Amino acid sequence: MARAIVARIDADPDRCGLDHARRVLERWLAARPCPALREWERILQRSWTEIREVLLDPSEEGRRLRQSDPFCGILTPQERWEFYRASP
């Protein structure tokens, strides 16, 4: 799913998905500031290239970070369901 999110943001020259993720993160932090969200706050201050690397990182660390990533809403519900149906 992270690849699809990255592809969507890559295809948008304005990188609106990054602004969306920052707004989501801001709401989440206001409701419940926790270490995982503070980590994403620091990540989202980086360049798109660096953020992209985090989203695509296949390591255990990358998987851990994606468990709390604020990129929800980038893909439509239908796109997410298609991904879930295709996953083993």
N, C-alpha and C. Protein backbone atom coordinates (compact mmCIF):
# COMPACT_ATOMS: atom_id res chain seq x y z
N MET A 1 0.82 -1.17 0.00
CA MET A 1 0.00 0.00 0.00
C MET A 1 0.88 1.26 0.00
N ALA A 2 2.01 1.18 0.69
CA ALA A 2 2.92 2.34 0.71
C ALA A 2 3.39 2.69 -0.69
N ARG A 3 3.61 1.68 -1.52
CA ARG A 3 4.04 1.95 -2.90
C ARG A 3 2.97 2.73 -3.66
N ALA A 4 1.71 2.37 -3.44
CA ALA A 4 0.61 3.07 -4.11
C ALA A 4 0.52 4.51 -3.62
N ILE A 5 0.74 4.73 -2.34
CA ILE A 5 0.72 6.08 -1.78
C ILE A 5 1.86 6.90 -2.39
N VAL A 6 3.05 6.31 -2.43
CA VAL A 6 4.21 7.00 -3.02
C VAL A 6 3.94 7.32 -4.49
N ALA A 7 3.39 6.37 -5.22
CA ALA A 7 3.10 6.60 -6.64
C ALA A 7 2.12 7.75 -6.82
N ARG A 8 1.12 7.82 -5.95
CA ARG A 8 0.12 8.90 -6.04
C ARG A 8 0.81 10.26 -5.79
N ILE A 9 1.64 10.32 -4.77
CA ILE A 9 2.32 11.58 -4.47
C ILE A 9 3.35 11.92 -5.55
N ASP A 10 4.07 10.91 -6.04
CA ASP A 10 5.03 11.13 -7.13
C ASP A 10 4.35 11.73 -8.36
N ALA A 11 3.12 11.30 -8.64
CA ALA A 11 2.41 11.74 -9.84
C ALA A 11 1.88 13.17 -9.72
N ASP A 12 1.87 13.70 -8.52
CA ASP A 12 1.35 15.05 -8.29
C ASP A 12 2.51 16.03 -8.11
N PRO A 13 2.73 16.91 -9.07
CA PRO A 13 3.86 17.84 -8.96
C PRO A 13 3.76 18.77 -7.75
N ASP A 14 2.54 19.00 -7.24
CA ASP A 14 2.36 19.86 -6.07
C ASP A 14 2.52 19.09 -4.76
N ARG A 15 2.60 17.77 -4.84
CA ARG A 15 2.78 16.92 -3.65
C ARG A 15 1.70 17.22 -2.59
N CYS A 16 0.47 17.33 -3.04
CA CYS A 16 -0.64 17.62 -2.13
C CYS A 16 -0.79 16.56 -1.04
N GLY A 17 -0.40 15.35 -1.34
CA GLY A 17 -0.46 14.28 -0.35
C GLY A 17 0.38 14.57 0.87
N LEU A 18 1.49 15.28 0.69
CA LEU A 18 2.32 15.64 1.83
C LEU A 18 1.59 16.64 2.73
N ASP A 19 0.94 17.61 2.12
CA ASP A 19 0.17 18.57 2.92
C ASP A 19 -0.94 17.87 3.67
N HIS A 20 -1.59 16.93 3.00
CA HIS A 20 -2.66 16.16 3.62
C HIS A 20 -2.11 15.39 4.84
N ALA A 21 -0.99 14.71 4.67
CA ALA A 21 -0.40 13.94 5.77
C ALA A 21 -0.02 14.86 6.93
N ARG A 22 0.48 16.02 6.63
CA ARG A 22 0.85 16.98 7.69
C ARG A 22 -0.38 17.46 8.46
N ARG A 23 -1.49 17.68 7.76
CA ARG A 23 -2.73 18.08 8.44
C ARG A 23 -3.27 16.94 9.30
N VAL A 24 -3.23 15.73 8.78
CA VAL A 24 -3.67 14.57 9.55
C VAL A 24 -2.83 14.44 10.81
N LEU A 25 -1.53 14.52 10.64
CA LEU A 25 -0.63 14.41 11.79
C LEU A 25 -0.90 15.50 12.82
N GLU A 26 -1.15 16.70 12.37
CA GLU A 26 -1.45 17.80 13.28
C GLU A 26 -2.68 17.48 14.13
N ARG A 27 -3.73 16.95 13.48
CA ARG A 27 -4.96 16.56 14.22
C ARG A 27 -4.66 15.45 15.22
N TRP A 28 -3.90 14.44 14.78
CA TRP A 28 -3.58 13.33 15.67
C TRP A 28 -2.76 13.80 16.87
N LEU A 29 -1.80 14.67 16.63
CA LEU A 29 -0.97 15.18 17.73
C LEU A 29 -1.79 16.00 18.72
N ALA A 30 -2.75 16.75 18.22
CA ALA A 30 -3.61 17.54 19.11
C ALA A 30 -4.45 16.62 19.99
N ALA A 31 -4.87 15.49 19.43
CA ALA A 31 -5.71 14.56 20.18
C ALA A 31 -4.91 13.67 21.12
N ARG A 32 -3.73 13.26 20.67
CA ARG A 32 -2.94 12.33 21.48
C ARG A 32 -1.48 12.36 21.09
N PRO A 33 -0.72 13.27 21.64
CA PRO A 33 0.71 13.32 21.30
C PRO A 33 1.42 12.10 21.88
N CYS A 34 2.02 11.33 21.02
CA CYS A 34 2.75 10.15 21.47
C CYS A 34 4.07 10.07 20.71
N PRO A 35 5.01 9.28 21.19
CA PRO A 35 6.33 9.22 20.55
C PRO A 35 6.30 8.87 19.07
N ALA A 36 5.44 7.94 18.67
CA ALA A 36 5.40 7.54 17.26
C ALA A 36 4.98 8.71 16.37
N LEU A 37 4.03 9.51 16.86
CA LEU A 37 3.59 10.66 16.07
C LEU A 37 4.63 11.76 16.07
N ARG A 38 5.34 11.93 17.17
CA ARG A 38 6.43 12.91 17.20
C ARG A 38 7.52 12.52 16.21
N GLU A 39 7.72 11.22 16.07
CA GLU A 39 8.71 10.73 15.10
C GLU A 39 8.28 11.12 13.67
N TRP A 40 6.99 10.95 13.37
CA TRP A 40 6.49 11.34 12.05
C TRP A 40 6.53 12.85 11.86
N GLU A 41 6.37 13.59 12.94
CA GLU A 41 6.47 15.04 12.85
C GLU A 41 7.86 15.43 12.35
N ARG A 42 8.88 14.77 12.87
CA ARG A 42 10.25 15.05 12.42
C ARG A 42 10.47 14.57 10.98
N ILE A 43 9.94 13.40 10.66
CA ILE A 43 10.10 12.85 9.30
C ILE A 43 9.47 13.78 8.27
N LEU A 44 8.28 14.30 8.56
CA LEU A 44 7.57 15.13 7.59
C LEU A 44 8.19 16.51 7.40
N GLN A 45 9.22 16.82 8.15
CA GLN A 45 9.96 18.06 7.94
C GLN A 45 11.06 17.87 6.90
N ARG A 46 11.29 16.63 6.50
CA ARG A 46 12.34 16.32 5.53
C ARG A 46 11.84 16.55 4.10
N SER A 47 12.74 16.36 3.15
CA SER A 47 12.38 16.47 1.73
C SER A 47 11.52 15.28 1.32
N TRP A 48 10.79 15.44 0.22
CA TRP A 48 9.98 14.33 -0.30
C TRP A 48 10.84 13.10 -0.57
N THR A 49 12.03 13.30 -1.09
CA THR A 49 12.91 12.16 -1.38
C THR A 49 13.18 11.35 -0.12
N GLU A 50 13.45 12.03 0.97
CA GLU A 50 13.73 11.33 2.23
C GLU A 50 12.48 10.68 2.81
N ILE A 51 11.36 11.38 2.73
CA ILE A 51 10.09 10.83 3.22
C ILE A 51 9.73 9.59 2.41
N ARG A 52 9.93 9.69 1.12
CA ARG A 52 9.66 8.57 0.20
C ARG A 52 10.47 7.34 0.60
N GLU A 53 11.74 7.55 0.94
CA GLU A 53 12.59 6.44 1.37
C GLU A 53 12.05 5.78 2.63
N VAL A 54 11.55 6.58 3.56
CA VAL A 54 10.97 6.03 4.78
C VAL A 54 9.75 5.18 4.45
N LEU A 55 8.88 5.70 3.59
CA LEU A 55 7.66 4.96 3.23
C LEU A 55 7.95 3.65 2.51
N LEU A 56 9.04 3.62 1.76
CA LEU A 56 9.37 2.41 0.98
C LEU A 56 10.40 1.51 1.65
N ASP A 57 10.88 1.89 2.82
CA ASP A 57 11.90 1.12 3.53
C ASP A 57 11.37 -0.28 3.86
N PRO A 58 12.00 -1.33 3.34
CA PRO A 58 11.52 -2.69 3.57
C PRO A 58 11.95 -3.28 4.92
N SER A 59 12.76 -2.55 5.65
CA SER A 59 13.29 -3.07 6.91
C SER A 59 12.21 -3.12 8.00
N GLU A 60 12.56 -3.76 9.09
CA GLU A 60 11.66 -3.82 10.23
C GLU A 60 11.33 -2.40 10.72
N GLU A 61 12.34 -1.52 10.70
CA GLU A 61 12.14 -0.13 11.10
C GLU A 61 11.11 0.55 10.18
N GLY A 62 11.22 0.32 8.89
CA GLY A 62 10.26 0.88 7.95
C GLY A 62 8.86 0.37 8.21
N ARG A 63 8.74 -0.93 8.46
CA ARG A 63 7.42 -1.51 8.76
C ARG A 63 6.86 -0.92 10.04
N ARG A 64 7.72 -0.72 11.05
CA ARG A 64 7.27 -0.13 12.31
C ARG A 64 6.74 1.28 12.07
N LEU A 65 7.47 2.07 11.32
CA LEU A 65 7.04 3.45 11.06
C LEU A 65 5.72 3.49 10.29
N ARG A 66 5.55 2.60 9.33
CA ARG A 66 4.32 2.60 8.54
C ARG A 66 3.09 2.22 9.37
N GLN A 67 3.28 1.61 10.53
CA GLN A 67 2.14 1.27 11.38
C GLN A 67 1.42 2.52 11.90
N SER A 68 2.12 3.65 11.92
CA SER A 68 1.50 4.87 12.44
C SER A 68 1.62 6.04 11.45
N ASP A 69 1.80 5.73 10.17
CA ASP A 69 2.00 6.84 9.21
C ASP A 69 0.71 7.63 9.01
N PRO A 70 0.84 8.93 8.79
CA PRO A 70 -0.33 9.80 8.64
C PRO A 70 -0.81 9.95 7.20
N PHE A 71 -0.54 8.97 6.36
CA PHE A 71 -0.91 9.08 4.94
C PHE A 71 -2.27 8.47 4.63
N CYS A 72 -3.09 8.28 5.67
CA CYS A 72 -4.44 7.77 5.44
C CYS A 72 -5.22 8.82 4.65
N GLY A 73 -6.05 8.37 3.76
CA GLY A 73 -6.83 9.29 2.95
C GLY A 73 -6.20 9.61 1.61
N ILE A 74 -4.97 9.19 1.40
CA ILE A 74 -4.32 9.42 0.10
C ILE A 74 -4.96 8.49 -0.94
N LEU A 75 -5.19 7.25 -0.55
CA LEU A 75 -5.87 6.29 -1.42
C LEU A 75 -7.35 6.28 -1.09
N THR A 76 -8.17 6.01 -2.07
CA THR A 76 -9.61 5.92 -1.84
C THR A 76 -9.92 4.63 -1.08
N PRO A 77 -11.08 4.57 -0.43
CA PRO A 77 -11.47 3.32 0.24
C PRO A 77 -11.47 2.14 -0.73
N GLN A 78 -11.94 2.36 -1.95
CA GLN A 78 -11.96 1.28 -2.94
C GLN A 78 -10.54 0.80 -3.26
N GLU A 79 -9.60 1.72 -3.41
CA GLU A 79 -8.21 1.33 -3.68
C GLU A 79 -7.64 0.52 -2.52
N ARG A 80 -7.95 0.94 -1.30
CA ARG A 80 -7.46 0.18 -0.14
C ARG A 80 -8.05 -1.22 -0.10
N TRP A 81 -9.36 -1.34 -0.36
CA TRP A 81 -9.99 -2.66 -0.35
C TRP A 81 -9.43 -3.56 -1.44
N GLU A 82 -9.13 -3.00 -2.59
CA GLU A 82 -8.51 -3.80 -3.66
C GLU A 82 -7.15 -4.32 -3.21
N PHE A 83 -6.43 -3.49 -2.51
CA PHE A 83 -5.13 -3.91 -1.99
C PHE A 83 -5.31 -5.04 -0.97
N TYR A 84 -6.26 -4.89 -0.05
CA TYR A 84 -6.48 -5.92 0.97
C TYR A 84 -6.92 -7.24 0.36
N ARG A 85 -7.77 -7.16 -0.66
CA ARG A 85 -8.23 -8.40 -1.32
C ARG A 85 -7.08 -9.10 -2.04
N ALA A 86 -6.15 -8.34 -2.58
CA ALA A 86 -5.03 -8.92 -3.34
C ALA A 86 -3.92 -9.45 -2.43
N SER A 87 -3.90 -9.01 -1.16
CA SER A 87 -2.84 -9.43 -0.25
C SER A 87 -3.11 -10.84 0.25
N PRO A 88 -2.01 -11.62 0.38
CA PRO A 88 -2.19 -13.00 0.89
C PRO A 88 -2.54 -13.03 2.36
